[in-house]
Amino acid sequence: MLEARDLAGQRGYARLFRDVAFRVDAGRALAVTGSNGSGKTTLLRILAGLSAPARGTVRWNGAAMRPFDARLREAVAFAGHSPALKDELTAAENLESLAALAGANVTRDELADALERVALSRQRGLPARVLSQGQRRRIGLARLRVIRKPLWVLDEPVTALDKDGTALMTAMLGEHLERGGCAVIATHHAIALPDGRTASLTLGA
């Protein structure tokens, strides 16, 4: 369970949002929307334990989390605007590196299965620099599959994905929620999030 109480965020001297409060239980998702500059990315970084709020608290499974708390960082899979890939590494090598950075002990077969799930089996040996933006984003989806974190915090996860890629991301999210995970997703795009499992928050409203 993820809970925010009286959160405020700012960038430099500019206040982006304040008085943000919500709770996301196991098996549920929160969709965060708002105009450019409303603070969506700032909010997600706070929830992922990567930034400190200007005010308020984040609680994970009932316990108050300090900024940069290792317990929260251990629980979260954070995906930012662009995949954190190394151009000189292959798709498979990038996925293996991302899993290792997350502390996941992943076998070669699991890596291969994850790349197959996101339709990158044929591209697994290609360097990331020759992949399309959508294919690079799919490596990020494969990462979510192998690191098995209970809390997903996703910033514009369908950017650069085609129709099939968006459907794949949506299906993976549904499976994550069915397993008892939870998610917070910032998006400008219409995503068919699981009915009855998703609440919404609009910043700047």
Foldseek 3Di string as FASTA:
>chain_A
DKWWAFFWADDDPGTQFTGDTDDAFFLFEEEEEEDPSNCLVVVLCQQQLNDPTPDTFMDDPRHTADRNRPVSNLQEDEDEPAQPADQAAFLLVRLVVLLVVSVFDDDPVLSCVLCVLLVCNVRRRPGNNPDFRQSRLSSSVSSCVRNDHQEYEYEASCVPHDPVNLVSSQVVVNVSSVVGGYYYYYHPDDHPHDPPRYHYHYGPD
